[in-house]
Protein backbone atom coordinates (compact mmCIF):
# COMPACT_ATOMS: atom_id res chain seq x y z
CA UNK A 1 36.90 81.03 53.83
CA UNK A 2 37.29 84.80 53.41
CA UNK A 3 38.53 87.18 56.09
CA UNK A 4 36.45 90.36 56.39
CA UNK A 5 36.58 93.22 58.87
CA UNK A 6 34.15 95.39 60.77
CA UNK A 7 34.40 99.07 59.87
CA UNK A 8 36.72 100.55 62.49
CA UNK A 9 35.72 104.22 62.07
CA UNK A 10 32.74 105.61 63.98
CA UNK A 11 33.13 109.20 62.74
CA UNK A 12 32.04 109.68 59.12
CA UNK A 13 35.06 111.94 58.52
CA UNK A 14 37.30 108.94 59.24
CA UNK A 15 35.48 106.39 57.07
CA UNK A 16 37.29 107.01 53.76
CA UNK A 17 40.71 106.47 55.35
CA UNK A 18 39.54 103.36 57.24
CA UNK A 19 37.92 101.87 54.14
CA UNK A 20 41.03 102.43 52.02
CA UNK A 21 43.19 100.85 54.71
CA UNK A 22 40.94 97.78 54.87
CA UNK A 23 41.08 97.36 51.10
CA UNK A 24 44.87 97.81 50.99
CA UNK A 25 45.31 95.25 53.78
CA UNK A 26 43.46 92.69 51.67
CA UNK A 27 40.20 92.16 53.60
CA UNK A 28 37.37 90.65 51.57
CA UNK A 29 34.58 92.90 52.85
CA UNK A 30 33.83 95.75 55.25
CA UNK A 31 30.80 95.40 57.51
CA UNK A 32 29.21 98.38 59.29
CA UNK A 33 27.28 98.17 62.55
CA UNK A 34 24.16 100.00 63.65
CA UNK A 35 25.53 100.73 67.09
CA UNK A 36 25.77 104.46 67.60
CA UNK A 37 25.86 104.99 63.83
CA UNK A 38 23.57 104.66 60.85
CA UNK A 39 24.28 101.39 59.08
CA UNK A 40 24.31 102.81 55.55
CA UNK A 41 25.88 106.30 55.48
CA UNK A 42 29.42 105.00 56.12
CA UNK A 43 29.04 102.53 53.26
CA UNK A 44 28.39 105.30 50.74
CA UNK A 45 31.75 106.81 51.69
CA UNK A 46 33.42 103.40 51.64
CA UNK A 47 32.04 102.67 48.17
CA UNK A 48 33.25 106.01 46.84
CA UNK A 49 36.81 105.59 48.13
CA UNK A 50 37.45 101.91 47.30
CA UNK A 51 37.40 99.79 44.15
CA UNK A 52 37.53 96.10 45.12
CA UNK A 53 36.31 95.40 48.64
CA UNK A 54 32.71 94.28 49.27
CA UNK A 55 30.59 96.00 51.91
CA UNK A 56 27.33 95.83 53.80
CA UNK A 57 25.59 96.44 57.13
CA UNK A 58 25.93 93.73 59.74
CA UNK A 59 23.15 94.23 60.29
CA UNK A 60 20.57 96.91 59.43
CA UNK A 61 17.44 96.56 61.57
CA UNK A 62 14.65 95.91 59.10
CA UNK A 63 11.35 96.73 60.73
CA UNK A 64 11.92 100.41 61.61
CA UNK A 65 12.36 100.97 57.84
CA UNK A 66 9.72 100.30 55.21
CA UNK A 67 10.86 97.76 52.60
CA UNK A 68 10.55 100.59 50.04
CA UNK A 69 12.94 102.79 52.03
CA UNK A 70 15.33 99.87 52.44
CA UNK A 71 15.11 99.09 48.72
CA UNK A 72 15.91 102.68 47.70
CA UNK A 73 18.99 102.85 49.92
CA UNK A 74 20.22 99.43 48.82
CA UNK A 75 19.66 100.14 45.13
CA UNK A 76 21.71 103.35 45.34
CA UNK A 77 24.56 101.65 47.21
CA UNK A 78 24.62 98.76 44.76
CA UNK A 79 24.98 101.24 41.90
CA UNK A 80 27.59 103.37 43.67
CA UNK A 81 29.69 100.33 44.61
CA UNK A 82 29.18 98.73 41.19
CA UNK A 83 27.80 95.53 42.63
CA UNK A 84 29.90 95.24 45.78
CA UNK A 85 27.02 95.93 48.21
CA UNK A 86 25.48 93.17 50.36
CA UNK A 87 22.28 93.91 52.29
CA UNK A 88 22.43 92.46 55.79
CA UNK A 89 19.14 92.54 57.72
CA UNK A 90 18.19 91.77 61.30
CA UNK A 91 14.94 91.72 63.28
CA UNK A 92 16.02 92.79 66.81
CA UNK A 93 14.44 91.60 70.04
CA UNK A 94 11.12 92.80 71.44
CA UNK A 95 12.54 95.21 74.01
CA UNK A 96 14.50 97.16 71.42
CA UNK A 97 11.67 97.25 68.86
CA UNK A 98 9.21 98.60 71.43
CA UNK A 99 11.40 100.71 73.72
CA UNK A 100 14.28 101.86 71.48
CA UNK A 101 12.49 102.20 68.15
CA UNK A 102 9.05 102.98 69.59
CA UNK A 103 7.25 100.50 67.37
CA UNK A 104 4.73 97.72 67.85
CA UNK A 105 6.32 94.30 68.10
CA UNK A 106 4.87 91.70 65.73
CA UNK A 107 5.84 88.07 65.02
CA UNK A 108 9.29 88.58 63.48
CA UNK A 109 9.64 85.59 61.16
CA UNK A 110 6.30 85.91 59.27
CA UNK A 111 6.86 89.66 59.02
CA UNK A 112 10.45 89.20 57.81
CA UNK A 113 9.24 86.73 55.18
CA UNK A 114 6.94 89.42 53.78
CA UNK A 115 9.74 91.97 54.05
CA UNK A 116 12.02 89.80 51.89
CA UNK A 117 9.27 89.06 49.39
CA UNK A 118 8.47 92.78 49.20
CA UNK A 119 12.10 93.66 48.49
CA UNK A 120 12.21 91.05 45.71
CA UNK A 121 9.04 92.49 44.15
CA UNK A 122 10.37 96.05 44.32
CA UNK A 123 13.76 95.15 42.83
CA UNK A 124 12.02 93.20 40.05
CA UNK A 125 9.86 96.20 39.23
CA UNK A 126 12.87 98.52 39.03
CA UNK A 127 15.15 96.12 37.19
CA UNK A 128 12.56 95.45 34.52
CA UNK A 129 11.92 99.15 33.98
CA UNK A 130 8.20 99.67 34.02
CA UNK A 131 7.01 96.31 35.31
CA UNK A 132 3.94 96.60 37.52
CA UNK A 133 4.64 96.61 41.25
CA UNK A 134 2.34 94.16 42.98
CA UNK A 135 2.76 92.65 46.43
CA UNK A 136 -0.02 91.98 48.93
CA UNK A 137 0.51 90.46 52.36
CA UNK A 138 -0.62 90.74 55.96
CA UNK A 139 2.06 93.23 56.99
CA UNK A 140 3.06 94.91 53.71
CA UNK A 141 1.22 95.94 50.55
CA UNK A 142 2.84 97.58 47.52
CA UNK A 143 0.93 98.46 44.35
CA UNK A 144 2.12 101.90 43.24
CA UNK A 145 5.34 102.80 41.40
CA UNK A 146 5.27 105.69 38.94
CA UNK A 147 8.16 106.57 36.58
CA UNK A 148 8.88 109.72 38.61
CA UNK A 149 9.68 107.68 41.73
CA UNK A 150 11.34 104.67 40.08
CA UNK A 151 15.15 104.77 40.04
CA UNK A 152 17.09 104.32 36.82
CA UNK A 153 17.42 100.54 36.36
CA UNK A 154 20.70 98.74 36.92
CA UNK A 155 21.47 95.05 36.89
CA UNK A 156 23.77 94.84 39.91
CA UNK A 157 22.49 91.96 42.03
CA UNK A 158 21.91 92.80 45.67
CA UNK A 159 22.62 89.71 47.82
CA UNK A 160 20.46 89.67 50.94
CA UNK A 161 21.67 88.07 54.17
CA UNK A 162 19.58 87.87 57.34
CA UNK A 163 20.74 87.44 60.92
CA UNK A 164 19.39 84.39 62.70
CA UNK A 165 19.86 82.15 65.71
CA UNK A 166 16.73 80.04 66.03
CA UNK A 167 15.01 77.40 63.90
CA UNK A 168 12.43 79.28 61.84
CA UNK A 169 14.61 82.22 60.86
CA UNK A 170 17.41 79.86 59.77
CA UNK A 171 14.88 78.02 57.57
CA UNK A 172 13.72 81.34 56.15
CA UNK A 173 17.32 82.27 55.33
CA UNK A 174 17.84 78.99 53.50
CA UNK A 175 14.63 79.44 51.54
CA UNK A 176 14.70 83.11 50.50
CA UNK A 177 18.13 84.60 51.15
CA UNK A 178 21.65 84.58 49.76
CA UNK A 179 23.32 84.29 53.13
CA UNK A 180 23.06 84.05 56.91
CA UNK A 181 24.66 86.30 59.49
CA UNK A 182 25.19 83.68 62.18
CA UNK A 183 25.44 85.17 65.66
CA UNK A 184 28.95 85.62 67.16
CA UNK A 185 27.76 83.56 70.14
CA UNK A 186 28.11 80.19 68.49
CA UNK A 187 30.09 76.96 68.44
CA UNK A 188 30.91 74.49 65.65
CA UNK A 189 28.54 71.99 67.29
CA UNK A 190 25.67 74.50 67.32
CA UNK A 191 26.34 75.46 63.68
CA UNK A 192 26.70 71.86 62.52
CA UNK A 193 23.86 70.22 64.47
CA UNK A 194 21.34 73.05 64.68
CA UNK A 195 21.88 75.78 62.10
CA UNK A 196 22.89 73.66 59.10
CA UNK A 197 19.94 71.23 59.22
CA UNK A 198 17.48 74.15 59.30
CA UNK A 199 19.28 75.90 56.46
CA UNK A 200 19.10 72.65 54.49
CA UNK A 201 15.34 72.50 55.06
CA UNK A 202 15.09 75.97 53.57
CA UNK A 203 17.31 75.01 50.62
CA UNK A 204 15.10 72.02 49.92
CA UNK A 205 11.97 74.16 49.92
CA UNK A 206 13.45 76.60 47.38
CA UNK A 207 15.27 74.00 45.28
CA UNK A 208 18.72 75.32 46.08
CA UNK A 209 21.85 73.90 47.69
CA UNK A 210 24.54 74.95 50.14
CA UNK A 211 26.84 76.06 47.31
CA UNK A 212 24.34 78.82 46.48
CA UNK A 213 24.60 80.27 49.99
CA UNK A 214 27.05 82.16 52.23
CA UNK A 215 27.36 81.81 56.00
CA UNK A 216 29.16 84.68 57.72
CA UNK A 217 29.87 85.42 61.35
CA UNK A 218 32.22 87.29 63.63
CA UNK A 219 33.54 84.46 65.81
CA UNK A 220 35.07 85.26 69.17
CA UNK A 221 38.83 85.15 68.64
CA UNK A 222 41.25 85.17 71.58
CA UNK A 223 44.65 86.10 70.21
CA UNK A 224 47.89 87.58 71.46
CA UNK A 225 51.62 87.51 71.05
CA UNK A 226 52.28 85.76 74.38
CA UNK A 227 50.49 83.98 77.24
CA UNK A 228 49.92 87.20 79.19
CA UNK A 229 48.21 88.91 76.26
CA UNK A 230 46.07 85.85 75.61
CA UNK A 231 44.95 85.66 79.25
CA UNK A 232 43.90 89.32 79.21
CA UNK A 233 42.01 88.74 75.99
CA UNK A 234 40.20 85.77 77.50
CA UNK A 235 38.79 88.02 80.23
CA UNK A 236 37.27 90.38 77.66
CA UNK A 237 35.75 87.55 75.63
CA UNK A 238 34.40 85.85 78.77
CA UNK A 239 32.53 89.03 79.70
CA UNK A 240 31.05 89.42 76.20
CA UNK A 241 29.93 85.79 76.04
CA UNK A 242 28.19 86.26 79.40
CA UNK A 243 26.37 89.30 78.02
CA UNK A 244 25.06 87.44 74.96
CA UNK A 245 24.25 84.27 76.88
CA UNK A 246 22.03 86.26 79.26
CA UNK A 247 19.59 86.93 76.39
CA UNK A 248 16.79 84.34 76.33
CA UNK A 249 16.63 84.44 72.52
CA UNK A 250 20.11 82.89 72.36
CA UNK A 251 19.44 80.12 74.91
CA UNK A 252 19.52 77.46 72.21
CA UNK A 253 23.28 78.00 71.85
CA UNK A 254 23.72 77.03 75.51
CA UNK A 255 21.22 74.17 75.31
CA UNK A 256 23.14 72.59 72.43
CA UNK A 257 25.89 71.86 74.96
CA UNK A 258 23.67 71.06 77.95
CA UNK A 259 24.19 74.43 79.63
CA UNK A 260 20.64 75.73 79.38
CA UNK A 261 20.44 76.21 83.17
CA UNK A 262 23.11 78.93 82.97
CA UNK A 263 20.86 81.31 81.00
CA UNK A 264 18.36 82.11 83.82
CA UNK A 265 21.22 82.84 86.24
CA UNK A 266 22.86 85.15 83.75
CA UNK A 267 19.56 86.88 83.00
CA UNK A 268 18.95 87.46 86.71
CA UNK A 269 22.42 88.93 87.23
CA UNK A 270 22.09 91.09 84.11
CA UNK A 271 18.87 92.57 85.51
CA UNK A 272 20.82 93.53 88.65
CA UNK A 273 23.77 94.93 86.67
CA UNK A 274 26.09 92.32 88.18
CA UNK A 275 28.53 92.18 85.24
CA UNK A 276 31.35 90.65 87.29
CA UNK A 277 29.07 87.92 88.57
CA UNK A 278 27.90 87.22 85.03
CA UNK A 279 31.44 86.62 83.80
CA UNK A 280 32.07 84.17 86.65
CA UNK A 281 29.26 81.97 85.27
CA UNK A 282 31.29 81.35 82.07
CA UNK A 283 33.66 78.47 82.85
CA UNK A 284 36.92 77.84 81.01
CA UNK A 285 35.23 74.97 79.18
CA UNK A 286 32.44 77.26 78.00
CA UNK A 287 34.93 79.94 76.97
CA UNK A 288 36.86 77.43 74.86
CA UNK A 289 33.62 76.12 73.35
CA UNK A 290 32.44 79.53 72.19
CA UNK A 291 35.77 81.06 71.16
CA UNK A 292 38.99 80.10 69.43
CA UNK A 293 42.40 80.93 70.94
CA UNK A 294 45.86 81.20 69.49
CA UNK A 295 48.83 83.39 68.72
CA UNK A 296 49.09 85.69 65.76
CA UNK A 297 51.19 83.22 63.79
CA UNK A 298 48.74 80.30 64.08
CA UNK A 299 45.31 81.85 64.60
CA UNK A 300 44.40 81.73 60.90
CA UNK A 301 44.97 77.97 60.74
CA UNK A 302 42.97 77.45 63.95
CA UNK A 303 39.98 79.48 62.75
CA UNK A 304 39.98 77.66 59.40
CA UNK A 305 40.19 74.24 61.05
CA UNK A 306 37.45 75.08 63.57
CA UNK A 307 34.93 76.32 61.01
CA UNK A 308 35.86 74.31 57.94
CA UNK A 309 32.72 73.55 55.93
CA UNK A 310 30.59 75.67 58.26
CA UNK A 311 31.55 79.28 57.51
CA UNK A 312 32.35 81.02 54.24
CA UNK A 313 33.28 84.44 55.60
CA UNK A 314 34.56 85.55 59.02
CA UNK A 315 35.55 88.77 60.74
CA UNK A 316 37.35 88.43 64.07
CA UNK A 317 35.30 89.55 67.09
CA UNK A 318 37.83 90.79 69.64
CA UNK A 319 36.17 92.68 72.54
CA UNK A 320 39.54 93.71 74.03
CA UNK A 321 42.57 95.76 73.06
CA UNK A 322 44.71 93.77 70.66
CA UNK A 323 48.26 94.99 70.10
CA UNK A 324 48.78 94.15 66.44
CA UNK A 325 50.21 96.17 63.58
CA UNK A 326 49.08 96.54 59.97
CA UNK A 327 51.63 94.03 58.70
CA UNK A 328 50.11 91.31 60.88
CA UNK A 329 46.65 91.97 59.45
CA UNK A 330 48.05 91.92 55.91
CA UNK A 331 49.61 88.55 56.63
CA UNK A 332 46.30 87.22 57.99
CA UNK A 333 44.46 88.48 54.91
CA UNK A 334 46.96 86.69 52.68
CA UNK A 335 46.40 83.46 54.61
CA UNK A 336 42.64 83.71 54.12
CA UNK A 337 42.13 85.66 50.91
CA UNK A 338 45.27 85.08 48.92
């Protein structure tokens, strides 16, 4: 299990310093978010100012970008990073597609299947230098690539991960992708009993196995140097779990533990902006189910034990202020990454 990190800098001027610091600390990869920032621009700076660390968006929203646009950006970043780039894609929920991106919402899994197939066809065309571009589907059609618009070929593989929570997208990941961005709102039981069987169905369809695949997530980690710090951290994580659990798309994570009735109450309170009331719906048992707690000196062992055999890469999700210095992160990276 590798320990990665989310890109800490939000200002592009600060990205080179942050990327260098992450590499020097020993993190395995840097992941950028599309939350107030473009998902790709920071990675160009990170690639230029580092030499070892992997990088990718976690995640870039696919549908607002044509597969051709996505392919061009990814191809350039793979070349610049010399093969360290990982393309992480997500679909987003209906409200955001329609009201934030101003686009028509269409069935996400069939459309994402064509998106992935289109990317594969485009990369094949470019890698083979002159091969005919040919892809025809319901949502995407590609049949034109002239030498003027084709990038100079390179053979850096671009692993593609997709974000998924529910059955069909997990199967799609297992069939066509190199990895899965599992949602932070998860539990070992949900991963083991729900996600893994659907991934396996996808592996079977494509003739692959689990060893060919990477599962990454940012698990909720409650950590501190003493009981007081841990208790404050629990409050921040409780609030964030309530926020995610209020989304109907993620109800399966609650239902796995018999808490499906909590989702409608959370959704109702979210609609009213009752954030305090939402947090009160998350019991201590639920908090411990969906997060892992510990002190700085034992949290690595606890995360590894909790997700052994389930996750291949992790980045701690800590929605609270954590008082920890660079030496502590270096020690954690050594425990995970060697």
